[in-house]
C-alpha atoms as a PDB file:
ATOM      1  CA  UNK A   1      -2.673  11.107  -6.130  1.00  0.00           C
ATOM      2  CA  UNK A   2       0.929  10.096  -5.924  1.00  0.00           C
ATOM      3  CA  UNK A   3       1.899   6.671  -4.764  1.00  0.00           C
ATOM      4  CA  UNK A   4       3.634   7.567  -1.535  1.00  0.00           C
ATOM      5  CA  UNK A   5       3.190   6.365   2.019  1.00  0.00           C
ATOM      6  CA  UNK A   6       2.048   9.063   4.213  1.00  0.00           C
ATOM      7  CA  UNK A   7       3.876   7.912   7.191  1.00  0.00           C
ATOM      8  CA  UNK A   8       7.171   6.527   5.902  1.00  0.00           C
ATOM      9  CA  UNK A   9       7.397   8.542   2.708  1.00  0.00           C
ATOM     10  CA  UNK A  10       8.251   5.344   0.742  1.00  0.00           C
ATOM     11  CA  UNK A  11       7.616   5.832  -3.130  1.00  0.00           C
ATOM     12  CA  UNK A  12       8.282   3.861  -6.259  1.00  0.00           C
ATOM     13  CA  UNK A  13      11.640   2.892  -7.254  1.00  0.00           C
ATOM     14  CA  UNK A  14      13.224   2.419 -10.699  1.00  0.00           C
ATOM     15  CA  UNK A  15      14.356  -0.692 -12.004  1.00  0.00           C
ATOM     16  CA  UNK A  16      14.766  -2.657 -15.346  1.00  0.00           C
ATOM     17  CA  UNK A  17      13.612  -5.716 -17.024  1.00  0.00           C
ATOM     18  CA  UNK A  18      16.331  -7.634 -18.719  1.00  0.00           C
ATOM     19  CA  UNK A  19      15.646  -9.710 -21.785  1.00  0.00           C
ATOM     20  CA  UNK A  20      17.848 -12.751 -22.218  1.00  0.00           C
ATOM     21  CA  UNK A  21      18.417 -15.237 -25.123  1.00  0.00           C
ATOM     22  CA  UNK A  22      20.526 -18.048 -25.533  1.00  0.00           C
ATOM     23  CA  UNK A  23      21.375 -21.354 -23.477  1.00  0.00           C
ATOM     24  CA  UNK A  24      23.341 -21.424 -20.325  1.00  0.00           C
ATOM     25  CA  UNK A  25      26.904 -22.799 -20.295  1.00  0.00           C
ATOM     26  CA  UNK A  26      26.012 -25.079 -17.714  1.00  0.00           C
ATOM     27  CA  UNK A  27      23.202 -26.568 -19.869  1.00  0.00           C
ATOM     28  CA  UNK A  28      25.378 -27.230 -22.916  1.00  0.00           C
ATOM     29  CA  UNK A  29      25.012 -23.953 -24.518  1.00  0.00           C
ATOM     30  CA  UNK A  30      27.420 -21.022 -25.389  1.00  0.00           C
ATOM     31  CA  UNK A  31      26.037 -18.725 -22.831  1.00  0.00           C
ATOM     32  CA  UNK A  32      23.165 -16.295 -22.516  1.00  0.00           C
ATOM     33  CA  UNK A  33      23.425 -12.822 -23.869  1.00  0.00           C
ATOM     34  CA  UNK A  34      21.268  -9.621 -23.082  1.00  0.00           C
ATOM     35  CA  UNK A  35      19.344  -8.584 -25.848  1.00  0.00           C
ATOM     36  CA  UNK A  36      17.367  -5.648 -24.527  1.00  0.00           C
ATOM     37  CA  UNK A  37      16.656  -3.810 -21.304  1.00  0.00           C
ATOM     38  CA  UNK A  38      13.366  -2.044 -20.501  1.00  0.00           C
ATOM     39  CA  UNK A  39      12.698   0.341 -17.834  1.00  0.00           C
ATOM     40  CA  UNK A  40      10.121  -0.551 -15.237  1.00  0.00           C
ATOM     41  CA  UNK A  41       8.992   0.661 -11.802  1.00  0.00           C
ATOM     42  CA  UNK A  42       8.464  -0.993  -8.523  1.00  0.00           C
ATOM     43  CA  UNK A  43       5.382   0.259  -6.561  1.00  0.00           C
ATOM     44  CA  UNK A  44       5.013   0.291  -2.905  1.00  0.00           C
ATOM     45  CA  UNK A  45       2.070  -1.865  -1.540  1.00  0.00           C
ATOM     46  CA  UNK A  46      -0.225   0.926  -0.313  1.00  0.00           C
ATOM     47  CA  UNK A  47      -3.378   0.309   1.732  1.00  0.00           C
ATOM     48  CA  UNK A  48      -6.145   2.742   2.406  1.00  0.00           C
ATOM     49  CA  UNK A  49      -6.578   2.599   6.218  1.00  0.00           C
ATOM     50  CA  UNK A  50      -8.767   4.523   8.820  1.00  0.00           C
ATOM     51  CA  UNK A  51      -6.653   5.861  11.330  1.00  0.00           C
ATOM     52  CA  UNK A  52      -6.960   7.970  14.596  1.00  0.00           C
ATOM     53  CA  UNK A  53      -4.537  11.083  14.198  1.00  0.00           C
ATOM     54  CA  UNK A  54      -4.621  13.720  16.864  1.00  0.00           C
ATOM     55  CA  UNK A  55      -7.921  12.441  18.123  1.00  0.00           C
ATOM     56  CA  UNK A  56      -9.585  12.737  14.548  1.00  0.00           C
ATOM     57  CA  UNK A  57     -10.597   9.785  12.316  1.00  0.00           C
ATOM     58  CA  UNK A  58      -9.511  10.048   8.763  1.00  0.00           C
ATOM     59  CA  UNK A  59      -8.356   7.942   5.985  1.00  0.00           C
ATOM     60  CA  UNK A  60      -4.570   7.683   5.094  1.00  0.00           C
ATOM     61  CA  UNK A  61      -2.530   5.692   2.364  1.00  0.00           C
ATOM     62  CA  UNK A  62       0.092   3.595   4.344  1.00  0.00           C
ATOM     63  CA  UNK A  63       2.469   0.914   3.054  1.00  0.00           C
ATOM     64  CA  UNK A  64       1.972  -2.699   4.326  1.00  0.00           C
ATOM     65  CA  UNK A  65       5.260  -2.515   5.647  1.00  0.00           C
ATOM     66  CA  UNK A  66       4.353   0.255   8.072  1.00  0.00           C
ATOM     67  CA  UNK A  67       1.149  -1.628   8.946  1.00  0.00           C
ATOM     68  CA  UNK A  68       3.087  -4.625  10.003  1.00  0.00           C
ATOM     69  CA  UNK A  69       5.453  -2.702  12.161  1.00  0.00           C
ATOM     70  CA  UNK A  70       2.633  -1.386  13.989  1.00  0.00           C
ATOM     71  CA  UNK A  71       3.155   2.307  13.244  1.00  0.00           C
ATOM     72  CA  UNK A  72      -0.592   2.897  12.680  1.00  0.00           C
ATOM     73  CA  UNK A  73      -3.313   3.286  15.355  1.00  0.00           C
ATOM     74  CA  UNK A  74      -6.278   2.114  13.640  1.00  0.00           C
ATOM     75  CA  UNK A  75      -9.654   4.045  14.415  1.00  0.00           C
ATOM     76  CA  UNK A  76     -12.044   2.334  16.853  1.00  0.00           C
ATOM     77  CA  UNK A  77     -15.211   0.773  15.554  1.00  0.00           C
ATOM     78  CA  UNK A  78     -18.638   2.664  15.337  1.00  0.00           C
ATOM     79  CA  UNK A  79     -20.684   1.296  18.198  1.00  0.00           C
ATOM     80  CA  UNK A  80     -23.969   3.351  17.729  1.00  0.00           C
ATOM     81  CA  UNK A  81     -26.865   2.525  15.261  1.00  0.00           C
ATOM     82  CA  UNK A  82     -29.260   4.773  13.494  1.00  0.00           C
ATOM     83  CA  UNK A  83     -32.073   3.509  15.452  1.00  0.00           C
ATOM     84  CA  UNK A  84     -30.404   4.261  18.686  1.00  0.00           C
ATOM     85  CA  UNK A  85     -29.401   7.800  17.336  1.00  0.00           C
ATOM     86  CA  UNK A  86     -32.846   8.474  16.129  1.00  0.00           C
ATOM     87  CA  UNK A  87     -34.615   7.298  19.390  1.00  0.00           C
ATOM     88  CA  UNK A  88     -33.702  10.254  21.574  1.00  0.00           C
ATOM     89  CA  UNK A  89     -34.542  12.902  18.705  1.00  0.00           C
ATOM     90  CA  UNK A  90     -38.109  11.377  18.329  1.00  0.00           C
ATOM     91  CA  UNK A  91     -38.602  11.775  22.197  1.00  0.00           C
ATOM     92  CA  UNK A  92     -37.818  15.539  21.918  1.00  0.00           C
ATOM     93  CA  UNK A  93     -40.067  16.257  18.992  1.00  0.00           C
END
């Protein structure tokens, strides 16, 4: 499963981790130097949320930023219990 927000389409972003050595000039050194650069990826903060879409309840993966903006209508809580659902069926049988 790809790490992409289903609402905004936000995905991972490329970046790099820079390794430096030496002491800064401000601190009395001769300056810092880059010794290596390695690739890395910044992943979006995806959350699995139960959402109401076109009258249907389903799970989607949404970024935390989209949740904060209020772009998602969360599904209502279930109100029925197993005992209440089983009681009418027992009366008929």
